[in-house]
C-alpha atoms as a PDB file:
ATOM      1  CA  MET A   1     -79.063 -98.394 -62.627  1.00  0.00           C
ATOM      2  CA  PHE A   2     -77.110 -97.544 -59.491  1.00  0.00           C
ATOM      3  CA  PHE A   3     -77.930 -93.855 -59.852  1.00  0.00           C
ATOM      4  CA  ASN A   4     -81.708 -94.534 -60.142  1.00  0.00           C
ATOM      5  CA  SER A   5     -81.652 -96.823 -57.122  1.00  0.00           C
ATOM      6  CA  PHE A   6     -79.810 -94.165 -55.162  1.00  0.00           C
ATOM      7  CA  LEU A   7     -82.440 -91.561 -56.061  1.00  0.00           C
ATOM      8  CA  MET A   8     -85.292 -93.866 -55.059  1.00  0.00           C
ATOM      9  CA  LEU A   9     -83.576 -94.524 -51.756  1.00  0.00           C
ATOM     10  CA  LEU A  10     -83.255 -90.791 -51.141  1.00  0.00           C
ATOM     11  CA  GLN A  11     -86.899 -90.244 -52.006  1.00  0.00           C
ATOM     12  CA  ASN A  12     -87.948 -92.894 -49.499  1.00  0.00           C
ATOM     13  CA  LYS A  13     -85.762 -91.408 -46.735  1.00  0.00           C
ATOM     14  CA  LEU A  14     -86.803 -87.773 -47.233  1.00  0.00           C
ATOM     15  CA  PRO A  15     -90.164 -86.488 -46.029  1.00  0.00           C
ATOM     16  CA  LYS A  16     -92.825 -86.095 -48.720  1.00  0.00           C
ATOM     17  CA  SER A  17     -93.212 -82.442 -47.966  1.00  0.00           C
ATOM     18  CA  SER A  18     -89.587 -81.579 -48.616  1.00  0.00           C
ATOM     19  CA  ASP A  19     -89.820 -81.439 -52.440  1.00  0.00           C
ATOM     20  CA  ALA A  20     -87.539 -78.406 -52.650  1.00  0.00           C
ATOM     21  CA  GLU A  21     -84.813 -80.121 -50.634  1.00  0.00           C
ATOM     22  CA  ARG A  22     -85.158 -83.294 -52.705  1.00  0.00           C
ATOM     23  CA  TYR A  23     -84.821 -81.404 -55.983  1.00  0.00           C
ATOM     24  CA  LEU A  24     -81.826 -79.488 -54.634  1.00  0.00           C
ATOM     25  CA  LEU A  25     -80.144 -82.740 -53.628  1.00  0.00           C
ATOM     26  CA  ILE A  26     -80.789 -84.264 -57.037  1.00  0.00           C
ATOM     27  CA  TYR A  27     -79.408 -81.138 -58.698  1.00  0.00           C
ATOM     28  CA  MET A  28     -76.240 -81.244 -56.590  1.00  0.00           C
ATOM     29  CA  ILE A  29     -75.700 -84.935 -57.347  1.00  0.00           C
ATOM     30  CA  ALA A  30     -76.171 -84.299 -61.062  1.00  0.00           C
ATOM     31  CA  ILE A  31     -73.658 -81.456 -60.933  1.00  0.00           C
ATOM     32  CA  LEU A  32     -71.204 -83.718 -59.080  1.00  0.00           C
ATOM     33  CA  VAL A  33     -71.599 -86.475 -61.650  1.00  0.00           C
ATOM     34  CA  LEU A  34     -71.172 -84.012 -64.509  1.00  0.00           C
ATOM     35  CA  VAL A  35     -68.039 -82.468 -63.009  1.00  0.00           C
ATOM     36  CA  SER A  36     -66.575 -85.923 -62.308  1.00  0.00           C
ATOM     37  CA  SER A  37     -67.283 -86.986 -65.898  1.00  0.00           C
ATOM     38  CA  LEU A  38     -65.612 -83.860 -67.253  1.00  0.00           C
ATOM     39  CA  VAL A  39     -62.550 -84.415 -65.042  1.00  0.00           C
ATOM     40  CA  ILE A  40     -62.261 -88.027 -66.239  1.00  0.00           C
ATOM     41  CA  LEU A  41     -62.747 -86.916 -69.844  1.00  0.00           C
ATOM     42  CA  PHE A  42     -60.088 -84.208 -69.559  1.00  0.00           C
ATOM     43  CA  PHE A  43     -57.721 -86.692 -67.907  1.00  0.00           C
ATOM     44  CA  ILE A  44     -58.211 -89.206 -70.767  1.00  0.00           C
ATOM     45  CA  VAL A  45     -57.643 -86.478 -73.386  1.00  0.00           C
ATOM     46  CA  PHE A  46     -54.525 -85.336 -71.501  1.00  0.00           C
ATOM     47  CA  LEU A  47     -53.121 -88.887 -71.450  1.00  0.00           C
ATOM     48  CA  LYS A  48     -53.799 -89.325 -75.167  1.00  0.00           C
ATOM     49  CA  ARG A  49     -52.063 -86.045 -76.009  1.00  0.00           C
ATOM     50  CA  LYS A  50     -49.145 -86.906 -73.745  1.00  0.00           C
ATOM     51  CA  ASN A  51     -48.757 -90.343 -75.365  1.00  0.00           C
ATOM     52  CA  LYS A  52     -48.978 -88.779 -78.826  1.00  0.00           C
ATOM     53  CA  LEU A  53     -46.242 -86.280 -77.948  1.00  0.00           C
ATOM     54  CA  LEU A  54     -44.038 -89.079 -76.614  1.00  0.00           C
ATOM     55  CA  LEU A  55     -44.608 -91.158 -79.757  1.00  0.00           C
ATOM     56  CA  ASP A  56     -43.834 -88.149 -81.941  1.00  0.00           C
ATOM     57  CA  GLN A  57     -40.598 -87.560 -80.011  1.00  0.00           C
ATOM     58  CA  ILE A  58     -39.615 -91.231 -80.350  1.00  0.00           C
ATOM     59  CA  LYS A  59     -40.344 -91.178 -84.088  1.00  0.00           C
ATOM     60  CA  GLN A  60     -38.355 -87.957 -84.519  1.00  0.00           C
ATOM     61  CA  GLN A  61     -35.436 -89.457 -82.586  1.00  0.00           C
ATOM     62  CA  GLN A  62     -35.575 -92.643 -84.668  1.00  0.00           C
ATOM     63  CA  ALA A  63     -35.748 -90.630 -87.876  1.00  0.00           C
ATOM     64  CA  PHE A  64     -32.795 -88.522 -86.751  1.00  0.00           C
ATOM     65  CA  GLU A  65     -30.740 -91.608 -85.839  1.00  0.00           C
ATOM     66  CA  ALA A  66     -31.664 -93.268 -89.147  1.00  0.00           C
ATOM     67  CA  GLU A  67     -30.596 -90.134 -91.030  1.00  0.00           C
ATOM     68  CA  ILE A  68     -27.269 -90.046 -89.184  1.00  0.00           C
ATOM     69  CA  ALA A  69     -26.687 -93.760 -89.828  1.00  0.00           C
ATOM     70  CA  ASN A  70     -27.630 -93.321 -93.478  1.00  0.00           C
ATOM     71  CA  ALA A  71     -25.219 -90.392 -93.849  1.00  0.00           C
ATOM     72  CA  GLN A  72     -22.439 -92.404 -92.220  1.00  0.00           C
ATOM     73  CA  THR A  73     -23.144 -95.357 -94.494  1.00  0.00           C
ATOM     74  CA  GLU A  74     -23.104 -93.189 -97.610  1.00  0.00           C
ATOM     75  CA  THR A  75     -19.806 -91.633 -96.495  1.00  0.00           C
ATOM     76  CA  GLN A  76     -18.313 -95.073 -95.907  1.00  0.00           C
ATOM     77  CA  GLU A  77     -19.540 -96.292 -99.281  1.00  0.00           C
ATOM     78  CA  GLN A  78     -18.032 -93.292-101.059  1.00  0.00           C
ATOM     79  CA  THR A  79     -14.753 -93.861 -99.233  1.00  0.00           C
ATOM     80  CA  LEU A  80     -14.720 -97.530-100.225  1.00  0.00           C
ATOM     81  CA  LYS A  81     -15.507 -96.561-103.801  1.00  0.00           C
ATOM     82  CA  ASN A  82     -12.599 -94.122-103.890  1.00  0.00           C
ATOM     83  CA  ILE A  83     -10.256 -96.727-102.428  1.00  0.00           C
ATOM     84  CA  GLY A  84     -11.444 -99.210-105.036  1.00  0.00           C
ATOM     85  CA  TRP A  85     -10.673 -96.763-107.813  1.00  0.00           C
ATOM     86  CA  GLU A  86      -7.232 -96.061-106.347  1.00  0.00           C
ATOM     87  CA  LEU A  87      -6.461 -99.762-106.105  1.00  0.00           C
ATOM     88  CA  HIS A  88      -7.604-100.467-109.640  1.00  0.00           C
ATOM     89  CA  ASP A  89      -6.197 -97.403-111.396  1.00  0.00           C
ATOM     90  CA  ASN A  90      -3.014 -96.658-109.474  1.00  0.00           C
ATOM     91  CA  VAL A  91      -1.820 -99.693-107.531  1.00  0.00           C
ATOM     92  CA  GLY A  92      -3.031-102.027-110.267  1.00  0.00           C
ATOM     93  CA  GLN A  93      -1.157-100.101-112.937  1.00  0.00           C
ATOM     94  CA  LEU A  94       2.005-100.033-110.875  1.00  0.00           C
ATOM     95  CA  LEU A  95       1.860-103.796-110.369  1.00  0.00           C
ATOM     96  CA  SER A  96       1.190-104.307-114.076  1.00  0.00           C
ATOM     97  CA  PHE A  97       4.182-102.121-114.942  1.00  0.00           C
ATOM     98  CA  ALA A  98       6.389-104.016-112.477  1.00  0.00           C
ATOM     99  CA  SER A  99       5.244-107.330-113.986  1.00  0.00           C
ATOM    100  CA  MET A 100       6.039-106.092-117.505  1.00  0.00           C
ATOM    101  CA  GLN A 101       9.488-104.870-116.471  1.00  0.00           C
ATOM    102  CA  LEU A 102      10.196-108.177-114.792  1.00  0.00           C
ATOM    103  CA  SER A 103       9.196-110.070-117.927  1.00  0.00           C
ATOM    104  CA  ILE A 104      11.549-107.898-120.024  1.00  0.00           C
ATOM    105  CA  LEU A 105      14.427-108.503-117.628  1.00  0.00           C
ATOM    106  CA  LYS A 106      13.675-112.206-117.609  1.00  0.00           C
ATOM    107  CA  MET A 107      14.186-112.372-121.376  1.00  0.00           C
ATOM    108  CA  GLN A 108      17.606-110.716-121.092  1.00  0.00           C
ATOM    109  CA  VAL A 109      19.186-113.080-118.585  1.00  0.00           C
ATOM    110  CA  SER A 110      20.500-116.622-118.766  1.00  0.00           C
ATOM    111  CA  ASP A 111      18.359-119.676-118.161  1.00  0.00           C
ATOM    112  CA  ASP A 112      19.851-120.187-114.719  1.00  0.00           C
ATOM    113  CA  VAL A 113      18.841-116.704-113.614  1.00  0.00           C
ATOM    114  CA  LYS A 114      15.367-117.006-115.151  1.00  0.00           C
ATOM    115  CA  GLU A 115      14.378-119.562-112.550  1.00  0.00           C
ATOM    116  CA  LYS A 116      15.055-117.008-109.849  1.00  0.00           C
ATOM    117  CA  PHE A 117      12.575-114.631-111.473  1.00  0.00           C
ATOM    118  CA  LYS A 118       9.817-117.235-111.497  1.00  0.00           C
ATOM    119  CA  GLU A 119       8.615-116.912-107.898  1.00  0.00           C
ATOM    120  CA  THR A 120       8.766-113.121-107.981  1.00  0.00           C
ATOM    121  CA  SER A 121       6.850-113.025-111.243  1.00  0.00           C
ATOM    122  CA  GLU A 122       4.156-115.335-109.898  1.00  0.00           C
ATOM    123  CA  ALA A 123       3.877-113.306-106.690  1.00  0.00           C
ATOM    124  CA  LEU A 124       3.388-110.131-108.722  1.00  0.00           C
ATOM    125  CA  LYS A 125       0.678-111.751-110.840  1.00  0.00           C
ATOM    126  CA  GLU A 126      -1.139-113.004-107.752  1.00  0.00           C
ATOM    127  CA  SER A 127      -0.879-109.579-106.130  1.00  0.00           C
ATOM    128  CA  LEU A 128      -2.281-107.921-109.243  1.00  0.00           C
ATOM    129  CA  ALA A 129      -5.199-110.369-109.371  1.00  0.00           C
ATOM    130  CA  GLU A 130      -5.839-109.814-105.652  1.00  0.00           C
ATOM    131  CA  VAL A 131      -5.828-106.023-106.014  1.00  0.00           C
ATOM    132  CA  ARG A 132      -8.225-106.148-108.972  1.00  0.00           C
ATOM    133  CA  LEU A 133     -10.583-108.507-107.153  1.00  0.00           C
ATOM    134  CA  LEU A 134     -10.509-106.389-104.004  1.00  0.00           C
ATOM    135  CA  SER A 135     -11.174-103.207-105.966  1.00  0.00           C
ATOM    136  CA  LYS A 136     -14.321-104.788-107.402  1.00  0.00           C
ATOM    137  CA  THR A 137     -15.769-105.621-103.987  1.00  0.00           C
ATOM    138  CA  LEU A 138     -15.266-102.033-102.805  1.00  0.00           C
ATOM    139  CA  ASN A 139     -17.227-100.447-105.649  1.00  0.00           C
ATOM    140  CA  ASN A 140     -21.028-100.493-105.346  1.00  0.00           C
ATOM    141  CA  GLU A 141     -21.573-100.273-109.083  1.00  0.00           C
ATOM    142  CA  VAL A 142     -19.368-103.288-109.726  1.00  0.00           C
ATOM    143  CA  VAL A 143     -21.076-105.292-106.968  1.00  0.00           C
ATOM    144  CA  LEU A 144     -24.512-104.524-108.411  1.00  0.00           C
ATOM    145  CA  ASN A 145     -23.303-105.360-111.914  1.00  0.00           C
ATOM    146  CA  ILE A 146     -21.728-108.673-110.899  1.00  0.00           C
ATOM    147  CA  GLY A 147     -24.639-109.653-108.669  1.00  0.00           C
ATOM    148  CA  PHE A 148     -25.134-110.340-104.982  1.00  0.00           C
ATOM    149  CA  GLU A 149     -24.228-114.024-104.882  1.00  0.00           C
ATOM    150  CA  LYS A 150     -21.313-113.712-107.300  1.00  0.00           C
ATOM    151  CA  SER A 151     -19.848-110.866-105.235  1.00  0.00           C
ATOM    152  CA  ILE A 152     -20.021-113.014-102.091  1.00  0.00           C
ATOM    153  CA  THR A 153     -18.361-115.891-103.949  1.00  0.00           C
ATOM    154  CA  ASN A 154     -15.556-113.599-105.138  1.00  0.00           C
ATOM    155  CA  GLU A 155     -14.998-112.380-101.586  1.00  0.00           C
ATOM    156  CA  LEU A 156     -14.849-115.943-100.237  1.00  0.00           C
ATOM    157  CA  ASN A 157     -12.464-117.003-102.988  1.00  0.00           C
ATOM    158  CA  ARG A 158     -10.193-114.075-102.185  1.00  0.00           C
ATOM    159  CA  LEU A 159     -10.138-115.003 -98.499  1.00  0.00           C
ATOM    160  CA  LYS A 160      -9.596-118.669 -99.272  1.00  0.00           C
ATOM    161  CA  LYS A 161      -6.421-117.778-101.141  1.00  0.00           C
ATOM    162  CA  MET A 162      -5.249-115.696 -98.186  1.00  0.00           C
ATOM    163  CA  LYS A 163      -5.497-118.055 -95.220  1.00  0.00           C
ATOM    164  CA  PHE A 164      -8.614-120.223 -95.005  1.00  0.00           C
ATOM    165  CA  THR A 165      -8.790-123.940 -95.733  1.00  0.00           C
ATOM    166  CA  SER A 166     -12.373-123.601 -96.959  1.00  0.00           C
ATOM    167  CA  ALA A 167     -14.707-120.672 -97.564  1.00  0.00           C
ATOM    168  CA  GLU A 168     -17.990-121.860 -99.001  1.00  0.00           C
ATOM    169  CA  LEU A 169     -21.292-120.315-100.074  1.00  0.00           C
ATOM    170  CA  ARG A 170     -24.497-122.374-100.018  1.00  0.00           C
ATOM    171  CA  VAL A 171     -27.806-121.188-101.487  1.00  0.00           C
ATOM    172  CA  ILE A 172     -31.163-122.614-100.394  1.00  0.00           C
ATOM    173  CA  GLY A 173     -34.481-121.859-102.056  1.00  0.00           C
ATOM    174  CA  GLU A 174     -35.393-119.802-105.077  1.00  0.00           C
ATOM    175  CA  LYS A 175     -33.575-116.512-105.412  1.00  0.00           C
ATOM    176  CA  GLN A 176     -35.728-113.402-105.040  1.00  0.00           C
ATOM    177  CA  PRO A 177     -34.857-109.892-106.211  1.00  0.00           C
ATOM    178  CA  PHE A 178     -34.287-107.083-103.726  1.00  0.00           C
ATOM    179  CA  ALA A 179     -36.975-104.409-103.790  1.00  0.00           C
ATOM    180  CA  ASP A 180     -34.268-101.805-103.165  1.00  0.00           C
ATOM    181  CA  ARG A 181     -30.813-102.372-104.666  1.00  0.00           C
ATOM    182  CA  LYS A 182     -29.308-100.270-101.860  1.00  0.00           C
ATOM    183  CA  HIS A 183     -30.348-103.004 -99.436  1.00  0.00           C
ATOM    184  CA  GLU A 184     -28.364-105.475-101.511  1.00  0.00           C
ATOM    185  CA  ILE A 185     -25.231-103.379-100.997  1.00  0.00           C
ATOM    186  CA  ILE A 186     -25.885-102.894 -97.276  1.00  0.00           C
ATOM    187  CA  ILE A 187     -26.275-106.645 -96.709  1.00  0.00           C
ATOM    188  CA  PHE A 188     -23.129-107.326 -98.713  1.00  0.00           C
ATOM    189  CA  ARG A 189     -21.220-104.834 -96.513  1.00  0.00           C
ATOM    190  CA  ILE A 190     -22.489-106.616 -93.378  1.00  0.00           C
ATOM    191  CA  ILE A 191     -21.163-109.886 -94.799  1.00  0.00           C
ATOM    192  CA  GLN A 192     -17.843-108.215 -95.622  1.00  0.00           C
ATOM    193  CA  GLU A 193     -17.606-106.862 -92.068  1.00  0.00           C
ATOM    194  CA  PHE A 194     -18.180-110.320 -90.605  1.00  0.00           C
ATOM    195  CA  LEU A 195     -15.569-111.851 -92.896  1.00  0.00           C
ATOM    196  CA  SER A 196     -13.103-109.073 -92.092  1.00  0.00           C
ATOM    197  CA  ASN A 197     -13.528-109.704 -88.358  1.00  0.00           C
ATOM    198  CA  SER A 198     -12.962-113.416 -88.940  1.00  0.00           C
ATOM    199  CA  VAL A 199      -9.694-112.648 -90.742  1.00  0.00           C
ATOM    200  CA  LYS A 200      -8.456-110.283 -88.031  1.00  0.00           C
ATOM    201  CA  TYR A 201      -9.568-111.928 -84.806  1.00  0.00           C
ATOM    202  CA  SER A 202     -10.899-115.468 -85.142  1.00  0.00           C
ATOM    203  CA  ASP A 203      -7.881-117.601 -86.103  1.00  0.00           C
ATOM    204  CA  ALA A 204     -10.454-119.652 -88.010  1.00  0.00           C
ATOM    205  CA  GLU A 205      -9.660-122.185 -90.717  1.00  0.00           C
ATOM    206  CA  ASN A 206     -13.099-122.510 -92.273  1.00  0.00           C
ATOM    207  CA  LEU A 207     -15.825-120.062 -93.259  1.00  0.00           C
ATOM    208  CA  SER A 208     -19.351-120.725 -94.459  1.00  0.00           C
ATOM    209  CA  ILE A 209     -22.248-118.565 -95.608  1.00  0.00           C
ATOM    210  CA  ILE A 210     -25.772-119.866 -96.193  1.00  0.00           C
ATOM    211  CA  LEU A 211     -28.339-117.830 -98.136  1.00  0.00           C
ATOM    212  CA  ASN A 212     -31.782-119.206 -97.317  1.00  0.00           C
ATOM    213  CA  TYR A 213     -34.382-117.649 -99.617  1.00  0.00           C
ATOM    214  CA  GLN A 214     -37.890-117.955 -98.188  1.00  0.00           C
ATOM    215  CA  GLN A 215     -41.166-116.554 -99.446  1.00  0.00           C
ATOM    216  CA  ASN A 216     -40.890-113.202 -97.708  1.00  0.00           C
ATOM    217  CA  ASN A 217     -37.493-113.383 -96.038  1.00  0.00           C
ATOM    218  CA  LEU A 218     -33.824-113.916 -96.715  1.00  0.00           C
ATOM    219  CA  ILE A 219     -32.053-115.572 -93.796  1.00  0.00           C
ATOM    220  CA  ILE A 220     -28.264-115.339 -94.017  1.00  0.00           C
ATOM    221  CA  THR A 221     -26.186-117.512 -91.686  1.00  0.00           C
ATOM    222  CA  MET A 222     -22.463-116.757 -91.440  1.00  0.00           C
ATOM    223  CA  LYS A 223     -20.099-118.985 -89.457  1.00  0.00           C
ATOM    224  CA  ASP A 224     -16.425-119.375 -88.679  1.00  0.00           C
ATOM    225  CA  ASP A 225     -14.735-122.100 -86.618  1.00  0.00           C
ATOM    226  CA  GLY A 226     -12.319-119.777 -84.826  1.00  0.00           C
ATOM    227  CA  LYS A 227     -11.548-119.191 -81.174  1.00  0.00           C
ATOM    228  CA  GLY A 228     -14.804-117.331 -80.520  1.00  0.00           C
ATOM    229  CA  PHE A 229     -15.419-115.103 -77.514  1.00  0.00           C
ATOM    230  CA  ASN A 230     -17.722-114.474 -74.560  1.00  0.00           C
ATOM    231  CA  ILE A 231     -20.610-112.537 -76.065  1.00  0.00           C
ATOM    232  CA  ASP A 232     -21.504-110.948 -72.688  1.00  0.00           C
ATOM    233  CA  SER A 233     -18.077-109.617 -71.809  1.00  0.00           C
ATOM    234  CA  VAL A 234     -16.563-108.760 -75.189  1.00  0.00           C
ATOM    235  CA  GLU A 235     -16.072-105.071 -75.905  1.00  0.00           C
ATOM    236  CA  LYS A 236     -18.468-103.791 -78.544  1.00  0.00           C
ATOM    237  CA  GLY A 237     -16.093-102.663 -81.289  1.00  0.00           C
ATOM    238  CA  SER A 238     -16.730-100.626 -84.402  1.00  0.00           C
ATOM    239  CA  GLY A 239     -17.204-103.771 -86.498  1.00  0.00           C
ATOM    240  CA  LEU A 240     -20.184-104.995 -84.499  1.00  0.00           C
ATOM    241  CA  LEU A 241     -21.634-101.484 -84.275  1.00  0.00           C
ATOM    242  CA  ASN A 242     -21.299-101.058 -88.048  1.00  0.00           C
ATOM    243  CA  MET A 243     -23.141-104.313 -88.691  1.00  0.00           C
ATOM    244  CA  LYS A 244     -25.939-103.412 -86.274  1.00  0.00           C
ATOM    245  CA  SER A 245     -26.387 -99.886 -87.629  1.00  0.00           C
ATOM    246  CA  ARG A 246     -26.508-101.180 -91.199  1.00  0.00           C
ATOM    247  CA  ALA A 247     -29.049-103.841 -90.235  1.00  0.00           C
ATOM    248  CA  THR A 248     -31.198-101.183 -88.552  1.00  0.00           C
ATOM    249  CA  LEU A 249     -31.212 -99.115 -91.755  1.00  0.00           C
ATOM    250  CA  ILE A 250     -32.937-101.925 -93.670  1.00  0.00           C
ATOM    251  CA  ASN A 251     -35.130-103.105 -90.764  1.00  0.00           C
ATOM    252  CA  ALA A 252     -33.289-106.421 -90.604  1.00  0.00           C
ATOM    253  CA  LYS A 253     -32.808-108.482 -87.467  1.00  0.00           C
ATOM    254  CA  LEU A 254     -29.206-109.296 -86.590  1.00  0.00           C
ATOM    255  CA  ASP A 255     -28.307-112.013 -84.084  1.00  0.00           C
ATOM    256  CA  LEU A 256     -24.675-112.692 -83.138  1.00  0.00           C
ATOM    257  CA  THR A 257     -23.760-115.721 -81.018  1.00  0.00           C
ATOM    258  CA  SER A 258     -20.398-117.029 -79.870  1.00  0.00           C
ATOM    259  CA  GLU A 259     -18.653-118.958 -77.120  1.00  0.00           C
ATOM    260  CA  PRO A 260     -14.954-119.423 -76.401  1.00  0.00           C
ATOM    261  CA  ASN A 261     -13.462-122.079 -78.703  1.00  0.00           C
ATOM    262  CA  GLU A 262     -16.814-122.494 -80.473  1.00  0.00           C
ATOM    263  CA  GLY A 263     -16.453-119.974 -83.300  1.00  0.00           C
ATOM    264  CA  VAL A 264     -18.850-117.194 -84.223  1.00  0.00           C
ATOM    265  CA  THR A 265     -22.272-117.363 -85.850  1.00  0.00           C
ATOM    266  CA  LEU A 266     -24.146-114.376 -87.248  1.00  0.00           C
ATOM    267  CA  VAL A 267     -27.751-114.689 -88.467  1.00  0.00           C
ATOM    268  CA  LEU A 268     -29.295-111.858 -90.475  1.00  0.00           C
ATOM    269  CA  ASN A 269     -33.051-111.964 -91.123  1.00  0.00           C
ATOM    270  CA  TYR A 270     -34.109-109.597 -93.907  1.00  0.00           C
ATOM    271  CA  SER A 271     -37.696-109.136 -95.102  1.00  0.00           C
ATOM    272  CA  PHE A 272     -38.281-108.516 -98.804  1.00  0.00           C
END
């Protein structure tokens, strides 16, 4: 519309006899418009190609980081599995042998001396049970065989015996199966990492884990009532980095909140 009006205006301004000049002017304007259109078109194509290259680079970087994180996770899992085997096969057998030897000695002494063996014998039995339970939580195959919720319960029970007044698991909603069993292990390791940090740093007395099964999501809320920390100033240690890298592997959202003297809360949102 604007172009036609411009041409009519030029026609009115130019003398009627100057047809050659008018046609030349129209030709030059058409060439100018064509060149401008081509420049704009090339610029748009250039931007699209540039954006595509940037997206490809970002995807390659993300894929590379995911591969590195996956390799690290597999290495850690294999290490935990080996430790679990060592605990069960070697340390467990040694404790069993020590318990047997103690029982034999107990039968060969007087009744007065037997009482002195009682506490040692009970401590050995508890240690053996603890080692066997710990070895199960370190082995992926055992965790998958026992089940996700049962494995969490075993871990909480083990910690409750160690130092905590209460360590409870609460399940909300109808349980849904994991599409990928590897994700089940990864989430369990995130929970273990949180619990391990609570044991080492929190000075907490109570632990709680809530599994909230929704239609398309599993929301896991983990809490301790320990001394907490300033989330903005705390040094990002390997524990937090491990949890975040594992969450990234399964496209889960991880949110950690804490304040001094207010404990620590970790919320993990996983989509089925």
